[in-house]
């Protein structure tokens, strides 16, 4: 296992669940809780890292609202309680793609406690580094499978930027890739999809996957794990019970006609167990 401390990952990935307003002054407002909440147990690592809980989760998972399309949607998600926003750059398929200029404009106006995830399908470290610098998010969501040689270059050039690797949960090979990737990144995000198709599915499918396999991955790694794939207010409590993820990622489950729906957003947060 890699020796990077869990504390560094927590600092990068655990903003508070709710922001009172959507502006840069929020960071200086004591009414907005900038203190990092205690982090739920997320995995087993020998030695100094936190061991996984064997009982029920003691805190709600963090929630990332993905496929944010505008500053107004970002504000709506944050007001509802989102800890993170997903901003989708060019993809071979799937919803939510917006221009890099719009990604940068949204990211520039998000209060610092909120994580801004740039979803990228790039493969080369040079292309990923250049894209992050254009978009100015504080987190990279690496949506395609990458060779291990890419991560050290990203670490070298993107100091302080959190790395989240997507693992598409399909079969036992997903476990192998998850274990290998976990050595290099700050968190994994388990999603549905199939990167081996002629037109790759890298997310945004609206389908659930094998939560039993997802739980096995969660128990085998020592870093935070986000669960995505077909989540909505009707199934999110079952998903949390089955996988006990550090965070949740939702797109279609809080949208109507491709627009972020305040009622569905509220229902999703209301469905989270206390």
C-alpha atoms as a PDB file:
ATOM      1  CA  UNK A   1       0.000   0.000   0.000  1.00  0.00           C
ATOM      2  CA  UNK A   2       1.153   3.510  -0.644  1.00  0.00           C
ATOM      3  CA  UNK A   3       2.314   5.555   2.316  1.00  0.00           C
ATOM      4  CA  UNK A   4       0.564   8.841   1.557  1.00  0.00           C
ATOM      5  CA  UNK A   5      -1.382   9.804   4.671  1.00  0.00           C
ATOM      6  CA  UNK A   6      -5.139   9.515   4.872  1.00  0.00           C
ATOM      7  CA  UNK A   7      -5.150  12.955   6.471  1.00  0.00           C
ATOM      8  CA  UNK A   8      -3.992  14.552   3.205  1.00  0.00           C
ATOM      9  CA  UNK A   9      -6.775  12.816   1.337  1.00  0.00           C
ATOM     10  CA  UNK A  10      -9.310  13.986   3.894  1.00  0.00           C
ATOM     11  CA  UNK A  11      -8.130  17.573   3.491  1.00  0.00           C
ATOM     12  CA  UNK A  12      -8.622  17.334  -0.263  1.00  0.00           C
ATOM     13  CA  UNK A  13     -11.872  15.412  -0.295  1.00  0.00           C
ATOM     14  CA  UNK A  14     -13.935  16.247   2.799  1.00  0.00           C
ATOM     15  CA  UNK A  15     -15.553  19.664   2.532  1.00  0.00           C
ATOM     16  CA  UNK A  16     -18.584  20.237   4.779  1.00  0.00           C
ATOM     17  CA  UNK A  17     -21.922  19.054   3.484  1.00  0.00           C
ATOM     18  CA  UNK A  18     -23.667  22.412   3.232  1.00  0.00           C
ATOM     19  CA  UNK A  19     -22.764  25.943   2.213  1.00  0.00           C
ATOM     20  CA  UNK A  20     -25.042  28.828   3.073  1.00  0.00           C
ATOM     21  CA  UNK A  21     -24.430  30.859  -0.063  1.00  0.00           C
ATOM     22  CA  UNK A  22     -22.756  30.677  -3.446  1.00  0.00           C
ATOM     23  CA  UNK A  23     -20.004  33.259  -3.509  1.00  0.00           C
ATOM     24  CA  UNK A  24     -16.324  33.636  -2.807  1.00  0.00           C
ATOM     25  CA  UNK A  25     -16.997  35.518   0.437  1.00  0.00           C
ATOM     26  CA  UNK A  26     -18.423  32.299   1.852  1.00  0.00           C
ATOM     27  CA  UNK A  27     -14.924  31.164   2.765  1.00  0.00           C
ATOM     28  CA  UNK A  28     -14.538  34.057   5.204  1.00  0.00           C
ATOM     29  CA  UNK A  29     -18.040  33.811   6.684  1.00  0.00           C
ATOM     30  CA  UNK A  30     -17.996  32.073  10.084  1.00  0.00           C
ATOM     31  CA  UNK A  31     -21.637  31.119   9.600  1.00  0.00           C
ATOM     32  CA  UNK A  32     -20.508  28.727   6.899  1.00  0.00           C
ATOM     33  CA  UNK A  33     -18.870  25.711   8.482  1.00  0.00           C
ATOM     34  CA  UNK A  34     -15.383  25.545   7.060  1.00  0.00           C
ATOM     35  CA  UNK A  35     -14.241  23.175   9.783  1.00  0.00           C
ATOM     36  CA  UNK A  36     -13.772  19.744   8.325  1.00  0.00           C
ATOM     37  CA  UNK A  37     -16.189  17.229   9.831  1.00  0.00           C
ATOM     38  CA  UNK A  38     -14.945  13.965  11.180  1.00  0.00           C
ATOM     39  CA  UNK A  39     -14.371  11.491   8.377  1.00  0.00           C
ATOM     40  CA  UNK A  40     -16.199   8.162   8.311  1.00  0.00           C
ATOM     41  CA  UNK A  41     -14.040   5.059   8.218  1.00  0.00           C
ATOM     42  CA  UNK A  42     -13.260   4.331   4.597  1.00  0.00           C
ATOM     43  CA  UNK A  43     -11.062   1.277   4.336  1.00  0.00           C
ATOM     44  CA  UNK A  44      -8.389  -0.985   5.714  1.00  0.00           C
ATOM     45  CA  UNK A  45      -4.738  -0.082   5.514  1.00  0.00           C
ATOM     46  CA  UNK A  46      -2.046  -1.661   7.632  1.00  0.00           C
ATOM     47  CA  UNK A  47      -0.443   0.524  10.268  1.00  0.00           C
ATOM     48  CA  UNK A  48      -1.397   4.135  10.728  1.00  0.00           C
ATOM     49  CA  UNK A  49      -4.462   4.501   8.514  1.00  0.00           C
ATOM     50  CA  UNK A  50      -7.995   4.211   9.765  1.00  0.00           C
ATOM     51  CA  UNK A  51      -9.482   0.728   9.781  1.00  0.00           C
ATOM     52  CA  UNK A  52     -12.853   0.157   8.163  1.00  0.00           C
ATOM     53  CA  UNK A  53     -15.895   0.172  10.372  1.00  0.00           C
ATOM     54  CA  UNK A  54     -17.554  -3.195  10.827  1.00  0.00           C
ATOM     55  CA  UNK A  55     -20.830  -1.624  11.914  1.00  0.00           C
ATOM     56  CA  UNK A  56     -23.270   0.915  10.484  1.00  0.00           C
ATOM     57  CA  UNK A  57     -21.930   4.196   9.129  1.00  0.00           C
ATOM     58  CA  UNK A  58     -21.929   6.967  11.713  1.00  0.00           C
ATOM     59  CA  UNK A  59     -22.222   9.894   9.299  1.00  0.00           C
ATOM     60  CA  UNK A  60     -23.929  10.554   6.006  1.00  0.00           C
ATOM     61  CA  UNK A  61     -21.857  10.071   2.890  1.00  0.00           C
ATOM     62  CA  UNK A  62     -20.720  13.218   1.137  1.00  0.00           C
ATOM     63  CA  UNK A  63     -22.724  13.991  -2.002  1.00  0.00           C
ATOM     64  CA  UNK A  64     -21.339  15.039  -5.377  1.00  0.00           C
ATOM     65  CA  UNK A  65     -23.850  16.423  -7.845  1.00  0.00           C
ATOM     66  CA  UNK A  66     -22.540  15.695 -11.312  1.00  0.00           C
ATOM     67  CA  UNK A  67     -23.216  17.087 -14.800  1.00  0.00           C
ATOM     68  CA  UNK A  68     -23.489  20.672 -13.529  1.00  0.00           C
ATOM     69  CA  UNK A  69     -24.281  22.841 -16.567  1.00  0.00           C
ATOM     70  CA  UNK A  70     -24.377  26.426 -15.274  1.00  0.00           C
ATOM     71  CA  UNK A  71     -23.565  28.699 -12.337  1.00  0.00           C
ATOM     72  CA  UNK A  72     -27.255  28.553 -11.411  1.00  0.00           C
ATOM     73  CA  UNK A  73     -27.181  24.750 -11.198  1.00  0.00           C
ATOM     74  CA  UNK A  74     -24.010  24.939  -9.127  1.00  0.00           C
ATOM     75  CA  UNK A  75     -25.695  27.319  -6.688  1.00  0.00           C
ATOM     76  CA  UNK A  76     -28.767  25.079  -6.473  1.00  0.00           C
ATOM     77  CA  UNK A  77     -26.676  21.985  -5.742  1.00  0.00           C
ATOM     78  CA  UNK A  78     -24.621  23.738  -3.072  1.00  0.00           C
ATOM     79  CA  UNK A  79     -27.713  25.164  -1.383  1.00  0.00           C
ATOM     80  CA  UNK A  80     -29.189  21.649  -1.244  1.00  0.00           C
ATOM     81  CA  UNK A  81     -26.121  20.340   0.581  1.00  0.00           C
ATOM     82  CA  UNK A  82     -23.668  19.140  -2.075  1.00  0.00           C
ATOM     83  CA  UNK A  83     -20.062  18.710  -0.976  1.00  0.00           C
ATOM     84  CA  UNK A  84     -18.806  18.514  -4.556  1.00  0.00           C
ATOM     85  CA  UNK A  85     -19.777  19.415  -8.109  1.00  0.00           C
ATOM     86  CA  UNK A  86     -18.984  17.399 -11.243  1.00  0.00           C
ATOM     87  CA  UNK A  87     -18.086  19.379 -14.374  1.00  0.00           C
ATOM     88  CA  UNK A  88     -17.977  17.253 -17.512  1.00  0.00           C
ATOM     89  CA  UNK A  89     -15.525  17.984 -20.304  1.00  0.00           C
ATOM     90  CA  UNK A  90     -15.464  16.267 -23.707  1.00  0.00           C
ATOM     91  CA  UNK A  91     -16.518  12.606 -23.522  1.00  0.00           C
ATOM     92  CA  UNK A  92     -17.091   9.884 -26.106  1.00  0.00           C
ATOM     93  CA  UNK A  93     -20.670   9.497 -24.842  1.00  0.00           C
ATOM     94  CA  UNK A  94     -22.966  10.472 -21.991  1.00  0.00           C
ATOM     95  CA  UNK A  95     -24.677  13.587 -20.646  1.00  0.00           C
ATOM     96  CA  UNK A  96     -23.603  16.869 -19.160  1.00  0.00           C
ATOM     97  CA  UNK A  97     -20.718  17.928 -21.411  1.00  0.00           C
ATOM     98  CA  UNK A  98     -19.987  21.658 -21.282  1.00  0.00           C
ATOM     99  CA  UNK A  99     -17.176  23.798 -22.655  1.00  0.00           C
ATOM    100  CA  UNK A 100     -13.903  24.186 -20.798  1.00  0.00           C
ATOM    101  CA  UNK A 101     -14.531  27.912 -20.611  1.00  0.00           C
ATOM    102  CA  UNK A 102     -17.807  27.345 -18.785  1.00  0.00           C
ATOM    103  CA  UNK A 103     -16.167  24.785 -16.491  1.00  0.00           C
ATOM    104  CA  UNK A 104     -13.543  27.381 -15.536  1.00  0.00           C
ATOM    105  CA  UNK A 105     -16.192  30.065 -14.970  1.00  0.00           C
ATOM    106  CA  UNK A 106     -18.216  27.811 -12.671  1.00  0.00           C
ATOM    107  CA  UNK A 107     -15.131  26.553 -10.798  1.00  0.00           C
ATOM    108  CA  UNK A 108     -13.850  30.094 -10.257  1.00  0.00           C
ATOM    109  CA  UNK A 109     -17.046  31.047  -8.432  1.00  0.00           C
ATOM    110  CA  UNK A 110     -17.518  28.019  -6.199  1.00  0.00           C
ATOM    111  CA  UNK A 111     -16.760  28.627  -2.489  1.00  0.00           C
ATOM    112  CA  UNK A 112     -13.433  27.011  -1.501  1.00  0.00           C
ATOM    113  CA  UNK A 113     -14.908  24.335   0.802  1.00  0.00           C
ATOM    114  CA  UNK A 114     -16.742  22.768  -2.147  1.00  0.00           C
ATOM    115  CA  UNK A 115     -14.808  20.322  -4.314  1.00  0.00           C
ATOM    116  CA  UNK A 116     -14.940  20.960  -8.061  1.00  0.00           C
ATOM    117  CA  UNK A 117     -14.361  17.782 -10.086  1.00  0.00           C
ATOM    118  CA  UNK A 118     -13.163  18.063 -13.678  1.00  0.00           C
ATOM    119  CA  UNK A 119     -14.315  14.912 -15.454  1.00  0.00           C
ATOM    120  CA  UNK A 120     -11.718  14.176 -18.115  1.00  0.00           C
ATOM    121  CA  UNK A 121     -11.426  11.440 -20.723  1.00  0.00           C
ATOM    122  CA  UNK A 122      -7.869  12.410 -21.635  1.00  0.00           C
ATOM    123  CA  UNK A 123      -5.135   9.785 -21.369  1.00  0.00           C
ATOM    124  CA  UNK A 124      -1.754  11.449 -21.636  1.00  0.00           C
ATOM    125  CA  UNK A 125      -0.402  13.258 -18.573  1.00  0.00           C
ATOM    126  CA  UNK A 126       0.433  16.308 -20.693  1.00  0.00           C
ATOM    127  CA  UNK A 127      -3.143  16.610 -21.974  1.00  0.00           C
ATOM    128  CA  UNK A 128      -4.640  16.101 -18.509  1.00  0.00           C
ATOM    129  CA  UNK A 129      -2.304  18.658 -16.921  1.00  0.00           C
ATOM    130  CA  UNK A 130      -3.043  21.243 -19.605  1.00  0.00           C
ATOM    131  CA  UNK A 131      -6.783  20.694 -19.297  1.00  0.00           C
ATOM    132  CA  UNK A 132      -6.781  21.073 -15.522  1.00  0.00           C
ATOM    133  CA  UNK A 133      -4.820  24.307 -15.803  1.00  0.00           C
ATOM    134  CA  UNK A 134      -7.379  25.662 -18.270  1.00  0.00           C
ATOM    135  CA  UNK A 135     -10.356  24.598 -16.158  1.00  0.00           C
ATOM    136  CA  UNK A 136      -8.908  25.396 -12.704  1.00  0.00           C
ATOM    137  CA  UNK A 137     -10.815  22.785 -10.701  1.00  0.00           C
ATOM    138  CA  UNK A 138      -9.424  21.462  -7.427  1.00  0.00           C
ATOM    139  CA  UNK A 139     -10.068  17.792  -8.236  1.00  0.00           C
ATOM    140  CA  UNK A 140      -9.479  15.607 -11.297  1.00  0.00           C
ATOM    141  CA  UNK A 141     -11.883  12.759 -12.016  1.00  0.00           C
ATOM    142  CA  UNK A 142     -10.042  10.422 -14.365  1.00  0.00           C
ATOM    143  CA  UNK A 143     -12.852   8.732 -16.251  1.00  0.00           C
ATOM    144  CA  UNK A 144     -10.957   6.259 -18.423  1.00  0.00           C
ATOM    145  CA  UNK A 145      -8.555   3.555 -17.348  1.00  0.00           C
ATOM    146  CA  UNK A 146      -4.990   4.859 -17.192  1.00  0.00           C
ATOM    147  CA  UNK A 147      -1.603   3.186 -16.962  1.00  0.00           C
ATOM    148  CA  UNK A 148       0.212   3.548 -13.656  1.00  0.00           C
ATOM    149  CA  UNK A 149       2.903   5.688 -15.297  1.00  0.00           C
ATOM    150  CA  UNK A 150       0.475   8.609 -15.653  1.00  0.00           C
ATOM    151  CA  UNK A 151      -0.106   9.270 -11.955  1.00  0.00           C
ATOM    152  CA  UNK A 152       3.427  10.298 -10.863  1.00  0.00           C
ATOM    153  CA  UNK A 153       3.525  12.899 -13.614  1.00  0.00           C
ATOM    154  CA  UNK A 154       0.187  14.334 -12.476  1.00  0.00           C
ATOM    155  CA  UNK A 155       1.414  14.446  -8.883  1.00  0.00           C
ATOM    156  CA  UNK A 156       4.581  16.228  -9.943  1.00  0.00           C
ATOM    157  CA  UNK A 157       2.870  18.930 -11.985  1.00  0.00           C
ATOM    158  CA  UNK A 158      -0.469  19.349 -10.201  1.00  0.00           C
ATOM    159  CA  UNK A 159       0.526  19.784  -6.576  1.00  0.00           C
ATOM    160  CA  UNK A 160      -2.509  20.030  -4.315  1.00  0.00           C
ATOM    161  CA  UNK A 161      -4.969  18.744  -6.912  1.00  0.00           C
ATOM    162  CA  UNK A 162      -6.875  15.670  -5.733  1.00  0.00           C
ATOM    163  CA  UNK A 163      -6.928  12.658  -8.057  1.00  0.00           C
ATOM    164  CA  UNK A 164     -10.041  10.474  -8.253  1.00  0.00           C
ATOM    165  CA  UNK A 165      -9.921   7.425 -10.515  1.00  0.00           C
ATOM    166  CA  UNK A 166     -13.131   5.997 -11.962  1.00  0.00           C
ATOM    167  CA  UNK A 167     -13.486   2.226 -11.897  1.00  0.00           C
ATOM    168  CA  UNK A 168     -16.234   0.798 -14.096  1.00  0.00           C
ATOM    169  CA  UNK A 169     -17.717  -2.097 -12.163  1.00  0.00           C
ATOM    170  CA  UNK A 170     -18.254  -4.927 -14.622  1.00  0.00           C
ATOM    171  CA  UNK A 171     -16.603  -8.146 -13.413  1.00  0.00           C
ATOM    172  CA  UNK A 172     -13.752  -9.448 -11.282  1.00  0.00           C
ATOM    173  CA  UNK A 173     -11.256  -7.486 -13.380  1.00  0.00           C
ATOM    174  CA  UNK A 174     -12.736  -4.348 -11.801  1.00  0.00           C
ATOM    175  CA  UNK A 175     -11.309  -5.421  -8.457  1.00  0.00           C
ATOM    176  CA  UNK A 176      -7.855  -5.886  -9.956  1.00  0.00           C
ATOM    177  CA  UNK A 177      -7.896  -2.434 -11.528  1.00  0.00           C
ATOM    178  CA  UNK A 178      -9.275  -0.833  -8.353  1.00  0.00           C
ATOM    179  CA  UNK A 179      -6.497  -2.299  -6.222  1.00  0.00           C
ATOM    180  CA  UNK A 180      -3.835  -1.162  -8.674  1.00  0.00           C
ATOM    181  CA  UNK A 181      -5.248   2.364  -9.079  1.00  0.00           C
ATOM    182  CA  UNK A 182      -5.750   2.836  -5.327  1.00  0.00           C
ATOM    183  CA  UNK A 183      -1.983   2.877  -4.905  1.00  0.00           C
ATOM    184  CA  UNK A 184      -1.770   6.169  -6.791  1.00  0.00           C
ATOM    185  CA  UNK A 185      -4.890   8.280  -6.190  1.00  0.00           C
ATOM    186  CA  UNK A 186      -6.791   9.996  -3.393  1.00  0.00           C
ATOM    187  CA  UNK A 187     -10.119   8.244  -3.995  1.00  0.00           C
ATOM    188  CA  UNK A 188     -11.885   5.807  -6.278  1.00  0.00           C
ATOM    189  CA  UNK A 189     -15.270   6.381  -7.877  1.00  0.00           C
ATOM    190  CA  UNK A 190     -17.190   3.228  -8.767  1.00  0.00           C
ATOM    191  CA  UNK A 191     -19.534   3.687 -11.704  1.00  0.00           C
ATOM    192  CA  UNK A 192     -21.456   1.802 -14.338  1.00  0.00           C
ATOM    193  CA  UNK A 193     -20.206   1.929 -17.892  1.00  0.00           C
ATOM    194  CA  UNK A 194     -17.972   0.049 -20.265  1.00  0.00           C
ATOM    195  CA  UNK A 195     -14.721   1.576 -21.537  1.00  0.00           C
ATOM    196  CA  UNK A 196     -14.118  -1.391 -23.842  1.00  0.00           C
ATOM    197  CA  UNK A 197     -17.013  -0.589 -26.208  1.00  0.00           C
ATOM    198  CA  UNK A 198     -16.355   0.889 -29.643  1.00  0.00           C
ATOM    199  CA  UNK A 199     -17.984   4.065 -28.323  1.00  0.00           C
ATOM    200  CA  UNK A 200     -16.803   4.102 -24.744  1.00  0.00           C
ATOM    201  CA  UNK A 201     -19.258   4.480 -21.861  1.00  0.00           C
ATOM    202  CA  UNK A 202     -17.302   6.371 -19.228  1.00  0.00           C
ATOM    203  CA  UNK A 203     -20.251   7.298 -17.000  1.00  0.00           C
ATOM    204  CA  UNK A 204     -23.640   8.945 -17.040  1.00  0.00           C
ATOM    205  CA  UNK A 205     -25.426   5.724 -17.959  1.00  0.00           C
ATOM    206  CA  UNK A 206     -28.189   5.986 -15.358  1.00  0.00           C
ATOM    207  CA  UNK A 207     -27.687   2.281 -14.591  1.00  0.00           C
ATOM    208  CA  UNK A 208     -26.843   0.646 -11.292  1.00  0.00           C
ATOM    209  CA  UNK A 209     -24.145  -2.005 -11.129  1.00  0.00           C
ATOM    210  CA  UNK A 210     -23.199  -4.894  -8.865  1.00  0.00           C
ATOM    211  CA  UNK A 211     -23.191  -3.390  -5.375  1.00  0.00           C
ATOM    212  CA  UNK A 212     -21.896  -6.618  -3.883  1.00  0.00           C
ATOM    213  CA  UNK A 213     -18.756  -6.289  -5.981  1.00  0.00           C
ATOM    214  CA  UNK A 214     -18.618  -2.600  -5.123  1.00  0.00           C
ATOM    215  CA  UNK A 215     -18.690  -3.479  -1.430  1.00  0.00           C
ATOM    216  CA  UNK A 216     -15.862  -5.947  -1.924  1.00  0.00           C
ATOM    217  CA  UNK A 217     -13.798  -3.204  -3.557  1.00  0.00           C
ATOM    218  CA  UNK A 218     -14.668  -0.797  -0.760  1.00  0.00           C
ATOM    219  CA  UNK A 219     -13.478  -3.294   1.831  1.00  0.00           C
ATOM    220  CA  UNK A 220     -10.254  -4.029  -0.021  1.00  0.00           C
ATOM    221  CA  UNK A 221      -8.921  -0.491  -0.457  1.00  0.00           C
ATOM    222  CA  UNK A 222      -7.617   2.028   2.050  1.00  0.00           C
ATOM    223  CA  UNK A 223      -8.822   5.233   0.420  1.00  0.00           C
ATOM    224  CA  UNK A 224     -12.200   7.007   0.162  1.00  0.00           C
ATOM    225  CA  UNK A 225     -14.705   5.493  -2.249  1.00  0.00           C
ATOM    226  CA  UNK A 226     -17.505   7.275  -4.106  1.00  0.00           C
ATOM    227  CA  UNK A 227     -20.471   5.282  -5.424  1.00  0.00           C
ATOM    228  CA  UNK A 228     -22.154   6.298  -8.685  1.00  0.00           C
ATOM    229  CA  UNK A 229     -24.462   4.683 -11.207  1.00  0.00           C
ATOM    230  CA  UNK A 230     -28.241   5.010 -11.319  1.00  0.00           C
ATOM    231  CA  UNK A 231     -28.676   6.444  -7.837  1.00  0.00           C
ATOM    232  CA  UNK A 232     -31.935   8.205  -6.947  1.00  0.00           C
ATOM    233  CA  UNK A 233     -34.118   8.936  -3.946  1.00  0.00           C
ATOM    234  CA  UNK A 234     -35.783   5.506  -4.175  1.00  0.00           C
ATOM    235  CA  UNK A 235     -32.612   3.419  -4.010  1.00  0.00           C
ATOM    236  CA  UNK A 236     -29.954   5.551  -2.326  1.00  0.00           C
ATOM    237  CA  UNK A 237     -30.628   4.249   1.196  1.00  0.00           C
ATOM    238  CA  UNK A 238     -30.247   0.666  -0.037  1.00  0.00           C
ATOM    239  CA  UNK A 239     -27.050   1.616  -1.891  1.00  0.00           C
ATOM    240  CA  UNK A 240     -25.555   3.144   1.248  1.00  0.00           C
ATOM    241  CA  UNK A 241     -26.469   0.106   3.328  1.00  0.00           C
ATOM    242  CA  UNK A 242     -24.972  -2.242   0.757  1.00  0.00           C
ATOM    243  CA  UNK A 243     -21.698  -0.434   0.039  1.00  0.00           C
ATOM    244  CA  UNK A 244     -21.138   2.087   2.882  1.00  0.00           C
ATOM    245  CA  UNK A 245     -19.342   4.521   0.584  1.00  0.00           C
ATOM    246  CA  UNK A 246     -17.482   7.630   1.655  1.00  0.00           C
ATOM    247  CA  UNK A 247     -19.407   9.619  -0.961  1.00  0.00           C
ATOM    248  CA  UNK A 248     -22.222   9.431  -3.485  1.00  0.00           C
ATOM    249  CA  UNK A 249     -22.277  10.699  -7.068  1.00  0.00           C
ATOM    250  CA  UNK A 250     -25.600  11.459  -8.734  1.00  0.00           C
ATOM    251  CA  UNK A 251     -26.606  12.983 -12.065  1.00  0.00           C
ATOM    252  CA  UNK A 252     -29.779  11.690 -13.744  1.00  0.00           C
ATOM    253  CA  UNK A 253     -31.383  10.851 -10.406  1.00  0.00           C
ATOM    254  CA  UNK A 254     -31.828  14.544  -9.575  1.00  0.00           C
ATOM    255  CA  UNK A 255     -32.722  15.785 -13.065  1.00  0.00           C
ATOM    256  CA  UNK A 256     -35.877  16.207 -15.131  1.00  0.00           C
ATOM    257  CA  UNK A 257     -35.535  16.761 -18.880  1.00  0.00           C
ATOM    258  CA  UNK A 258     -31.782  17.216 -18.398  1.00  0.00           C
ATOM    259  CA  UNK A 259     -32.285  20.090 -15.931  1.00  0.00           C
ATOM    260  CA  UNK A 260     -31.397  19.960 -12.256  1.00  0.00           C
ATOM    261  CA  UNK A 261     -34.746  19.532 -10.501  1.00  0.00           C
ATOM    262  CA  UNK A 262     -35.078  21.196  -7.076  1.00  0.00           C
ATOM    263  CA  UNK A 263     -37.785  18.755  -5.963  1.00  0.00           C
ATOM    264  CA  UNK A 264     -35.817  15.655  -6.972  1.00  0.00           C
ATOM    265  CA  UNK A 265     -32.670  17.154  -5.457  1.00  0.00           C
ATOM    266  CA  UNK A 266     -34.463  17.741  -2.160  1.00  0.00           C
ATOM    267  CA  UNK A 267     -35.943  14.239  -2.231  1.00  0.00           C
ATOM    268  CA  UNK A 268     -32.480  12.723  -2.741  1.00  0.00           C
ATOM    269  CA  UNK A 269     -31.008  14.504   0.285  1.00  0.00           C
ATOM    270  CA  UNK A 270     -34.105  13.714   2.342  1.00  0.00           C
ATOM    271  CA  UNK A 271     -33.643  10.010   1.517  1.00  0.00           C
ATOM    272  CA  UNK A 272     -30.145   9.894   3.021  1.00  0.00           C
ATOM    273  CA  UNK A 273     -30.137   8.114   6.377  1.00  0.00           C
ATOM    274  CA  UNK A 274     -29.261  10.204   9.427  1.00  0.00           C
END
